[in-house]
Amino acid sequence: MKLINIGFGNIVAADRLVAIVSPGSAPVKRMVQEAREQGNLVDAAYGRRTRAVLVMDSGHVVLSALAPETVANRMDGTMPQAEEDEDEE
């Protein structure tokens, strides 16, 4: 099982990840609000601005302070260590 660091020491299972999307569109905002109301929202952004919304196969929605591109690169393992450290500040 491959794990992905989504920032601030939080990790998700890569094989359970369905989509990584930007939080700006109305449908994504609606999805986040519905997950919050149903108790299926995990806020891993720790009060920071949400830059990526991760949709899991269990129906849970995870908020991350990292950009979607960063999370996707971590899935592939292609991002250099220096860039990873800068994103978490």
PDB file of N, CA and C in Angstrom:
ATOM      1  N   MET A   1       0.848  -1.175   0.000  1.00  0.00           N
ATOM      2  CA  MET A   1       0.000   0.000   0.000  1.00  0.00           C
ATOM      3  C   MET A   1       0.896   1.242   0.000  1.00  0.00           C
ATOM      4  N   LYS A   2       0.655   2.140  -0.945  1.00  0.00           N
ATOM      5  CA  LYS A   2       1.435   3.371  -1.039  1.00  0.00           C
ATOM      6  C   LYS A   2       0.702   4.483  -0.289  1.00  0.00           C
ATOM      7  N   LEU A   3       1.454   5.256   0.478  1.00  0.00           N
ATOM      8  CA  LEU A   3       0.906   6.371   1.245  1.00  0.00           C
ATOM      9  C   LEU A   3       1.416   7.691   0.679  1.00  0.00           C
ATOM     10  N   ILE A   4       0.568   8.725   0.735  1.00  0.00           N
ATOM     11  CA  ILE A   4       0.927  10.048   0.218  1.00  0.00           C
ATOM     12  C   ILE A   4       0.840  11.064   1.348  1.00  0.00           C
ATOM     13  N   ASN A   5       1.909  11.832   1.523  1.00  0.00           N
ATOM     14  CA  ASN A   5       1.912  12.918   2.501  1.00  0.00           C
ATOM     15  C   ASN A   5       1.137  14.089   1.898  1.00  0.00           C
ATOM     16  N   ILE A   6       0.062  14.525   2.580  1.00  0.00           N
ATOM     17  CA  ILE A   6      -0.747  15.639   2.068  1.00  0.00           C
ATOM     18  C   ILE A   6      -0.515  16.913   2.866  1.00  0.00           C
ATOM     19  N   GLY A   7       0.556  16.953   3.627  1.00  0.00           N
ATOM     20  CA  GLY A   7       0.941  18.149   4.362  1.00  0.00           C
ATOM     21  C   GLY A   7       0.675  18.041   5.846  1.00  0.00           C
ATOM     22  N   PHE A   8       1.510  18.693   6.633  1.00  0.00           N
ATOM     23  CA  PHE A   8       1.396  18.754   8.092  1.00  0.00           C
ATOM     24  C   PHE A   8       1.392  17.373   8.736  1.00  0.00           C
ATOM     25  N   GLY A   9       2.117  16.442   8.135  1.00  0.00           N
ATOM     26  CA  GLY A   9       2.221  15.111   8.698  1.00  0.00           C
ATOM     27  C   GLY A   9       1.016  14.220   8.449  1.00  0.00           C
ATOM     28  N   ASN A  10       0.090  14.653   7.630  1.00  0.00           N
ATOM     29  CA  ASN A  10      -1.089  13.852   7.310  1.00  0.00           C
ATOM     30  C   ASN A  10      -0.815  12.994   6.086  1.00  0.00           C
ATOM     31  N   ILE A  11      -1.314  11.776   6.119  1.00  0.00           N
ATOM     32  CA  ILE A  11      -1.039  10.808   5.067  1.00  0.00           C
ATOM     33  C   ILE A  11      -2.336  10.123   4.665  1.00  0.00           C
ATOM     34  N   VAL A  12      -2.518   9.913   3.355  1.00  0.00           N
ATOM     35  CA  VAL A  12      -3.663   9.159   2.852  1.00  0.00           C
ATOM     36  C   VAL A  12      -3.151   7.989   2.016  1.00  0.00           C
ATOM     37  N   ALA A  13      -3.983   6.969   1.907  1.00  0.00           N
ATOM     38  CA  ALA A  13      -3.632   5.795   1.102  1.00  0.00           C
ATOM     39  C   ALA A  13      -3.880   6.111  -0.369  1.00  0.00           C
ATOM     40  N   ALA A  14      -2.868   5.937  -1.194  1.00  0.00           N
ATOM     41  CA  ALA A  14      -2.964   6.267  -2.618  1.00  0.00           C
ATOM     42  C   ALA A  14      -3.995   5.412  -3.337  1.00  0.00           C
ATOM     43  N   ASP A  15      -4.123   4.153  -2.938  1.00  0.00           N
ATOM     44  CA  ASP A  15      -5.068   3.280  -3.623  1.00  0.00           C
ATOM     45  C   ASP A  15      -6.527   3.573  -3.283  1.00  0.00           C
ATOM     46  N   ARG A  16      -6.776   4.407  -2.292  1.00  0.00           N
ATOM     47  CA  ARG A  16      -8.140   4.789  -1.926  1.00  0.00           C
ATOM     48  C   ARG A  16      -8.536   6.135  -2.523  1.00  0.00           C
ATOM     49  N   LEU A  17      -7.596   6.815  -3.158  1.00  0.00           N
ATOM     50  CA  LEU A  17      -7.815   8.145  -3.725  1.00  0.00           C
ATOM     51  C   LEU A  17      -8.491   8.047  -5.085  1.00  0.00           C
ATOM     52  N   VAL A  18      -9.610   8.773  -5.243  1.00  0.00           N
ATOM     53  CA  VAL A  18     -10.355   8.757  -6.502  1.00  0.00           C
ATOM     54  C   VAL A  18     -10.013   9.984  -7.343  1.00  0.00           C
ATOM     55  N   ALA A  19      -9.948  11.169  -6.706  1.00  0.00           N
ATOM     56  CA  ALA A  19      -9.707  12.402  -7.457  1.00  0.00           C
ATOM     57  C   ALA A  19      -9.028  13.438  -6.577  1.00  0.00           C
ATOM     58  N   ILE A  20      -8.259  14.309  -7.237  1.00  0.00           N
ATOM     59  CA  ILE A  20      -7.649  15.476  -6.589  1.00  0.00           C
ATOM     60  C   ILE A  20      -8.116  16.679  -7.391  1.00  0.00           C
ATOM     61  N   VAL A  21      -8.887  17.569  -6.772  1.00  0.00           N
ATOM     62  CA  VAL A  21      -9.463  18.700  -7.499  1.00  0.00           C
ATOM     63  C   VAL A  21      -9.199  20.015  -6.775  1.00  0.00           C
ATOM     64  N   SER A  22      -9.288  21.118  -7.518  1.00  0.00           N
ATOM     65  CA  SER A  22      -9.171  22.448  -6.944  1.00  0.00           C
ATOM     66  C   SER A  22     -10.500  22.821  -6.286  1.00  0.00           C
ATOM     67  N   PRO A  23     -10.446  23.581  -5.214  1.00  0.00           N
ATOM     68  CA  PRO A  23     -11.670  23.882  -4.465  1.00  0.00           C
ATOM     69  C   PRO A  23     -12.473  25.067  -4.981  1.00  0.00           C
ATOM     70  N   GLY A  24     -12.093  25.657  -6.097  1.00  0.00           N
ATOM     71  CA  GLY A  24     -12.693  26.903  -6.535  1.00  0.00           C
ATOM     72  C   GLY A  24     -14.069  26.830  -7.161  1.00  0.00           C
ATOM     73  N   SER A  25     -14.418  25.735  -7.802  1.00  0.00           N
ATOM     74  CA  SER A  25     -15.687  25.685  -8.534  1.00  0.00           C
ATOM     75  C   SER A  25     -16.872  25.440  -7.597  1.00  0.00           C
ATOM     76  N   ALA A  26     -18.034  25.869  -8.044  1.00  0.00           N
ATOM     77  CA  ALA A  26     -19.253  25.709  -7.244  1.00  0.00           C
ATOM     78  C   ALA A  26     -19.586  24.244  -6.964  1.00  0.00           C
ATOM     79  N   PRO A  27     -19.465  23.337  -7.943  1.00  0.00           N
ATOM     80  CA  PRO A  27     -19.771  21.937  -7.635  1.00  0.00           C
ATOM     81  C   PRO A  27     -18.855  21.343  -6.555  1.00  0.00           C
ATOM     82  N   VAL A  28     -17.589  21.718  -6.571  1.00  0.00           N
ATOM     83  CA  VAL A  28     -16.661  21.208  -5.558  1.00  0.00           C
ATOM     84  C   VAL A  28     -17.001  21.807  -4.200  1.00  0.00           C
ATOM     85  N   LYS A  29     -17.331  23.089  -4.157  1.00  0.00           N
ATOM     86  CA  LYS A  29     -17.736  23.718  -2.894  1.00  0.00           C
ATOM     87  C   LYS A  29     -18.979  23.040  -2.336  1.00  0.00           C
ATOM     88  N   ARG A  30     -19.902  22.697  -3.212  1.00  0.00           N
ATOM     89  CA  ARG A  30     -21.125  22.014  -2.797  1.00  0.00           C
ATOM     90  C   ARG A  30     -20.796  20.614  -2.249  1.00  0.00           C
ATOM     91  N   MET A  31     -19.888  19.910  -2.916  1.00  0.00           N
ATOM     92  CA  MET A  31     -19.471  18.587  -2.465  1.00  0.00           C
ATOM     93  C   MET A  31     -18.840  18.661  -1.076  1.00  0.00           C
ATOM     94  N   VAL A  32     -17.992  19.665  -0.852  1.00  0.00           N
ATOM     95  CA  VAL A  32     -17.344  19.845   0.448  1.00  0.00           C
ATOM     96  C   VAL A  32     -18.393  20.140   1.518  1.00  0.00           C
ATOM     97  N   GLN A  33     -19.346  21.004   1.214  1.00  0.00           N
ATOM     98  CA  GLN A  33     -20.387  21.350   2.180  1.00  0.00           C
ATOM     99  C   GLN A  33     -21.250  20.132   2.519  1.00  0.00           C
ATOM    100  N   GLU A  34     -21.606  19.337   1.521  1.00  0.00           N
ATOM    101  CA  GLU A  34     -22.401  18.129   1.759  1.00  0.00           C
ATOM    102  C   GLU A  34     -21.628  17.120   2.611  1.00  0.00           C
ATOM    103  N   ALA A  35     -20.332  16.978   2.350  1.00  0.00           N
ATOM    104  CA  ALA A  35     -19.502  16.078   3.152  1.00  0.00           C
ATOM    105  C   ALA A  35     -19.424  16.573   4.592  1.00  0.00           C
ATOM    106  N   ARG A  36     -19.338  17.883   4.782  1.00  0.00           N
ATOM    107  CA  ARG A  36     -19.297  18.471   6.127  1.00  0.00           C
ATOM    108  C   ARG A  36     -20.595  18.148   6.874  1.00  0.00           C
ATOM    109  N   GLU A  37     -21.721  18.319   6.203  1.00  0.00           N
ATOM    110  CA  GLU A  37     -23.026  18.072   6.825  1.00  0.00           C
ATOM    111  C   GLU A  37     -23.214  16.598   7.168  1.00  0.00           C
ATOM    112  N   GLN A  38     -22.674  15.703   6.355  1.00  0.00           N
ATOM    113  CA  GLN A  38     -22.813  14.264   6.575  1.00  0.00           C
ATOM    114  C   GLN A  38     -21.756  13.703   7.534  1.00  0.00           C
ATOM    115  N   GLY A  39     -20.787  14.531   7.908  1.00  0.00           N
ATOM    116  CA  GLY A  39     -19.726  14.067   8.794  1.00  0.00           C
ATOM    117  C   GLY A  39     -18.640  13.287   8.084  1.00  0.00           C
ATOM    118  N   ASN A  40     -18.520  13.483   6.768  1.00  0.00           N
ATOM    119  CA  ASN A  40     -17.516  12.784   5.968  1.00  0.00           C
ATOM    120  C   ASN A  40     -16.369  13.679   5.523  1.00  0.00           C
ATOM    121  N   LEU A  41     -16.193  14.819   6.183  1.00  0.00           N
ATOM    122  CA  LEU A  41     -15.136  15.758   5.801  1.00  0.00           C
ATOM    123  C   LEU A  41     -13.973  15.650   6.770  1.00  0.00           C
ATOM    124  N   VAL A  42     -12.769  15.568   6.219  1.00  0.00           N
ATOM    125  CA  VAL A  42     -11.549  15.575   7.021  1.00  0.00           C
ATOM    126  C   VAL A  42     -10.773  16.820   6.617  1.00  0.00           C
ATOM    127  N   ASP A  43     -10.613  17.760   7.560  1.00  0.00           N
ATOM    128  CA  ASP A  43      -9.900  19.003   7.265  1.00  0.00           C
ATOM    129  C   ASP A  43      -8.442  18.857   7.668  1.00  0.00           C
ATOM    130  N   ALA A  44      -7.605  18.474   6.712  1.00  0.00           N
ATOM    131  CA  ALA A  44      -6.177  18.311   6.961  1.00  0.00           C
ATOM    132  C   ALA A  44      -5.411  19.576   6.594  1.00  0.00           C
ATOM    133  N   ALA A  45      -6.116  20.685   6.379  1.00  0.00           N
ATOM    134  CA  ALA A  45      -5.475  21.956   6.042  1.00  0.00           C
ATOM    135  C   ALA A  45      -5.144  22.761   7.303  1.00  0.00           C
ATOM    136  N   TYR A  46      -5.659  22.320   8.451  1.00  0.00           N
ATOM    137  CA  TYR A  46      -5.370  22.965   9.738  1.00  0.00           C
ATOM    138  C   TYR A  46      -5.624  24.472   9.732  1.00  0.00           C
ATOM    139  N   GLY A  47      -6.758  24.881   9.191  1.00  0.00           N
ATOM    140  CA  GLY A  47      -7.135  26.287   9.208  1.00  0.00           C
ATOM    141  C   GLY A  47      -6.496  27.125   8.115  1.00  0.00           C
ATOM    142  N   ARG A  48      -5.595  26.553   7.369  1.00  0.00           N
ATOM    143  CA  ARG A  48      -5.000  27.288   6.250  1.00  0.00           C
ATOM    144  C   ARG A  48      -5.908  27.225   5.044  1.00  0.00           C
ATOM    145  N   ARG A  49      -5.568  28.000   4.034  1.00  0.00           N
ATOM    146  CA  ARG A  49      -6.378  28.016   2.816  1.00  0.00           C
ATOM    147  C   ARG A  49      -6.328  26.647   2.141  1.00  0.00           C
ATOM    148  N   THR A  50      -7.497  26.140   1.801  1.00  0.00           N
ATOM    149  CA  THR A  50      -7.589  24.847   1.123  1.00  0.00           C
ATOM    150  C   THR A  50      -7.193  25.022  -0.335  1.00  0.00           C
ATOM    151  N   ARG A  51      -6.203  24.259  -0.770  1.00  0.00           N
ATOM    152  CA  ARG A  51      -5.739  24.342  -2.157  1.00  0.00           C
ATOM    153  C   ARG A  51      -6.057  23.094  -2.947  1.00  0.00           C
ATOM    154  N   ALA A  52      -6.353  21.986  -2.246  1.00  0.00           N
ATOM    155  CA  ALA A  52      -6.714  20.745  -2.932  1.00  0.00           C
ATOM    156  C   ALA A  52      -7.798  20.020  -2.144  1.00  0.00           C
ATOM    157  N   VAL A  53      -8.723  19.430  -2.881  1.00  0.00           N
ATOM    158  CA  VAL A  53      -9.773  18.603  -2.298  1.00  0.00           C
ATOM    159  C   VAL A  53      -9.549  17.187  -2.806  1.00  0.00           C
ATOM    160  N   LEU A  54      -9.388  16.260  -1.879  1.00  0.00           N
ATOM    161  CA  LEU A  54      -9.152  14.866  -2.233  1.00  0.00           C
ATOM    162  C   LEU A  54     -10.431  14.080  -1.987  1.00  0.00           C
ATOM    163  N   VAL A  55     -10.883  13.385  -3.008  1.00  0.00           N
ATOM    164  CA  VAL A  55     -12.088  12.573  -2.916  1.00  0.00           C
ATOM    165  C   VAL A  55     -11.646  11.126  -2.764  1.00  0.00           C
ATOM    166  N   MET A  56     -12.127  10.474  -1.713  1.00  0.00           N
ATOM    167  CA  MET A  56     -11.734   9.106  -1.417  1.00  0.00           C
ATOM    168  C   MET A  56     -12.836   8.139  -1.848  1.00  0.00           C
ATOM    169  N   ASP A  57     -12.475   6.883  -2.063  1.00  0.00           N
ATOM    170  CA  ASP A  57     -13.453   5.894  -2.517  1.00  0.00           C
ATOM    171  C   ASP A  57     -14.488   5.543  -1.453  1.00  0.00           C
ATOM    172  N   SER A  58     -14.245   5.920  -0.212  1.00  0.00           N
ATOM    173  CA  SER A  58     -15.180   5.661   0.881  1.00  0.00           C
ATOM    174  C   SER A  58     -16.267   6.730   0.980  1.00  0.00           C
ATOM    175  N   GLY A  59     -16.146   7.774   0.132  1.00  0.00           N
ATOM    176  CA  GLY A  59     -17.091   8.882   0.197  1.00  0.00           C
ATOM    177  C   GLY A  59     -16.592  10.032   1.049  1.00  0.00           C
ATOM    178  N   HIS A  60     -15.461   9.847   1.700  1.00  0.00           N
ATOM    179  CA  HIS A  60     -14.884  10.928   2.495  1.00  0.00           C
ATOM    180  C   HIS A  60     -14.239  11.965   1.568  1.00  0.00           C
ATOM    181  N   VAL A  61     -14.225  13.188   2.052  1.00  0.00           N
ATOM    182  CA  VAL A  61     -13.595  14.295   1.343  1.00  0.00           C
ATOM    183  C   VAL A  61     -12.525  14.858   2.271  1.00  0.00           C
ATOM    184  N   VAL A  62     -11.305  14.991   1.752  1.00  0.00           N
ATOM    185  CA  VAL A  62     -10.170  15.452   2.546  1.00  0.00           C
ATOM    186  C   VAL A  62      -9.682  16.772   1.979  1.00  0.00           C
ATOM    187  N   LEU A  63      -9.536  17.778   2.848  1.00  0.00           N
ATOM    188  CA  LEU A  63      -9.023  19.083   2.437  1.00  0.00           C
ATOM    189  C   LEU A  63      -7.533  19.144   2.736  1.00  0.00           C
ATOM    190  N   SER A  64      -6.759  19.688   1.795  1.00  0.00           N
ATOM    191  CA  SER A  64      -5.317  19.812   1.966  1.00  0.00           C
ATOM    192  C   SER A  64      -4.873  21.233   1.633  1.00  0.00           C
ATOM    193  N   ALA A  65      -3.842  21.696   2.337  1.00  0.00           N
ATOM    194  CA  ALA A  65      -3.277  23.012   2.079  1.00  0.00           C
ATOM    195  C   ALA A  65      -2.265  22.979   0.938  1.00  0.00           C
ATOM    196  N   LEU A  66      -1.964  21.798   0.423  1.00  0.00           N
ATOM    197  CA  LEU A  66      -1.032  21.672  -0.704  1.00  0.00           C
ATOM    198  C   LEU A  66      -1.790  21.795  -2.021  1.00  0.00           C
ATOM    199  N   ALA A  67      -1.094  22.257  -3.047  1.00  0.00           N
ATOM    200  CA  ALA A  67      -1.694  22.382  -4.376  1.00  0.00           C
ATOM    201  C   ALA A  67      -1.962  20.991  -4.959  1.00  0.00           C
ATOM    202  N   PRO A  68      -2.987  20.873  -5.805  1.00  0.00           N
ATOM    203  CA  PRO A  68      -3.286  19.580  -6.419  1.00  0.00           C
ATOM    204  C   PRO A  68      -2.094  18.985  -7.169  1.00  0.00           C
ATOM    205  N   GLU A  69      -1.315  19.848  -7.843  1.00  0.00           N
ATOM    206  CA  GLU A  69      -0.147  19.376  -8.582  1.00  0.00           C
ATOM    207  C   GLU A  69       0.884  18.755  -7.641  1.00  0.00           C
ATOM    208  N   THR A  70       1.051  19.356  -6.471  1.00  0.00           N
ATOM    209  CA  THR A  70       2.006  18.849  -5.490  1.00  0.00           C
ATOM    210  C   THR A  70       1.592  17.474  -5.005  1.00  0.00           C
ATOM    211  N   VAL A  71       0.309  17.313  -4.688  1.00  0.00           N
ATOM    212  CA  VAL A  71      -0.189  16.023  -4.224  1.00  0.00           C
ATOM    213  C   VAL A  71      -0.021  14.970  -5.323  1.00  0.00           C
ATOM    214  N   ALA A  72      -0.353  15.339  -6.562  1.00  0.00           N
ATOM    215  CA  ALA A  72      -0.214  14.403  -7.680  1.00  0.00           C
ATOM    216  C   ALA A  72       1.247  14.017  -7.891  1.00  0.00           C
ATOM    217  N   ASN A  73       2.153  14.978  -7.774  1.00  0.00           N
ATOM    218  CA  ASN A  73       3.583  14.679  -7.923  1.00  0.00           C
ATOM    219  C   ASN A  73       4.080  13.755  -6.817  1.00  0.00           C
ATOM    220  N   ARG A  74       3.555  13.933  -5.614  1.00  0.00           N
ATOM    221  CA  ARG A  74       3.946  13.057  -4.514  1.00  0.00           C
ATOM    222  C   ARG A  74       3.447  11.640  -4.751  1.00  0.00           C
ATOM    223  N   MET A  75       2.331  11.526  -5.441  1.00  0.00           N
ATOM    224  CA  MET A  75       1.821  10.197  -5.781  1.00  0.00           C
ATOM    225  C   MET A  75       2.784   9.475  -6.704  1.00  0.00           C
ATOM    226  N   ASP A  76       3.346  10.229  -7.655  1.00  0.00           N
ATOM    227  CA  ASP A  76       4.303   9.664  -8.607  1.00  0.00           C
ATOM    228  C   ASP A  76       5.701   9.569  -8.030  1.00  0.00           C
ATOM    229  N   GLY A  77       5.969  10.335  -6.973  1.00  0.00           N
ATOM    230  CA  GLY A  77       7.296  10.356  -6.386  1.00  0.00           C
ATOM    231  C   GLY A  77       8.289  11.146  -7.205  1.00  0.00           C
ATOM    232  N   THR A  78       7.803  12.135  -8.004  1.00  0.00           N
ATOM    233  CA  THR A  78       8.690  12.872  -8.898  1.00  0.00           C
ATOM    234  C   THR A  78       9.131  14.225  -8.355  1.00  0.00           C
ATOM    235  N   MET A  79       8.592  14.664  -7.230  1.00  0.00           N
ATOM    236  CA  MET A  79       8.909  15.993  -6.716  1.00  0.00           C
ATOM    237  C   MET A  79      10.195  15.971  -5.891  1.00  0.00           C
ATOM    238  N   PRO A  80      11.122  16.881  -6.156  1.00  0.00           N
ATOM    239  CA  PRO A  80      12.349  16.951  -5.361  1.00  0.00           C
ATOM    240  C   PRO A  80      12.059  17.351  -3.914  1.00  0.00           C
ATOM    241  N   GLN A  81      12.903  16.950  -2.998  1.00  0.00           N
ATOM    242  CA  GLN A  81      12.707  17.208  -1.567  1.00  0.00           C
ATOM    243  C   GLN A  81      12.621  18.693  -1.245  1.00  0.00           C
ATOM    244  N   ALA A  82      13.404  19.552  -1.910  1.00  0.00           N
ATOM    245  CA  ALA A  82      13.414  20.987  -1.608  1.00  0.00           C
ATOM    246  C   ALA A  82      12.040  21.601  -1.837  1.00  0.00           C
ATOM    247  N   GLU A  83      11.352  21.234  -2.895  1.00  0.00           N
ATOM    248  CA  GLU A  83      10.025  21.777  -3.171  1.00  0.00           C
ATOM    249  C   GLU A  83       9.010  21.285  -2.160  1.00  0.00           C
ATOM    250  N   GLU A  84       9.114  20.061  -1.693  1.00  0.00           N
ATOM    251  CA  GLU A  84       8.181  19.529  -0.702  1.00  0.00           C
ATOM    252  C   GLU A  84       8.242  20.339   0.576  1.00  0.00           C
ATOM    253  N   ASP A  85       9.463  20.666   1.030  1.00  0.00           N
ATOM    254  CA  ASP A  85       9.614  21.417   2.268  1.00  0.00           C
ATOM    255  C   ASP A  85       9.023  22.815   2.158  1.00  0.00           C
ATOM    256  N   GLU A  86       9.132  23.462   1.004  1.00  0.00           N
ATOM    257  CA  GLU A  86       8.608  24.816   0.831  1.00  0.00           C
ATOM    258  C   GLU A  86       7.095  24.854   0.898  1.00  0.00           C
ATOM    259  N   ASP A  87       6.414  23.816   0.406  1.00  0.00           N
ATOM    260  CA  ASP A  87       4.953  23.796   0.376  1.00  0.00           C
ATOM    261  C   ASP A  87       4.330  23.713   1.768  1.00  0.00           C
ATOM    262  N   GLU A  88       5.033  23.179   2.738  1.00  0.00           N
ATOM    263  CA  GLU A  88       4.450  22.970   4.060  1.00  0.00           C
ATOM    264  C   GLU A  88       4.647  24.145   4.997  1.00  0.00           C
ATOM    265  N   GLU A  89       5.298  25.197   4.576  1.00  0.00           N
ATOM    266  CA  GLU A  89       5.550  26.337   5.462  1.00  0.00           C
ATOM    267  C   GLU A  89       4.340  27.224   5.577  1.00  0.00           C
TER     268      GLU A  89
END
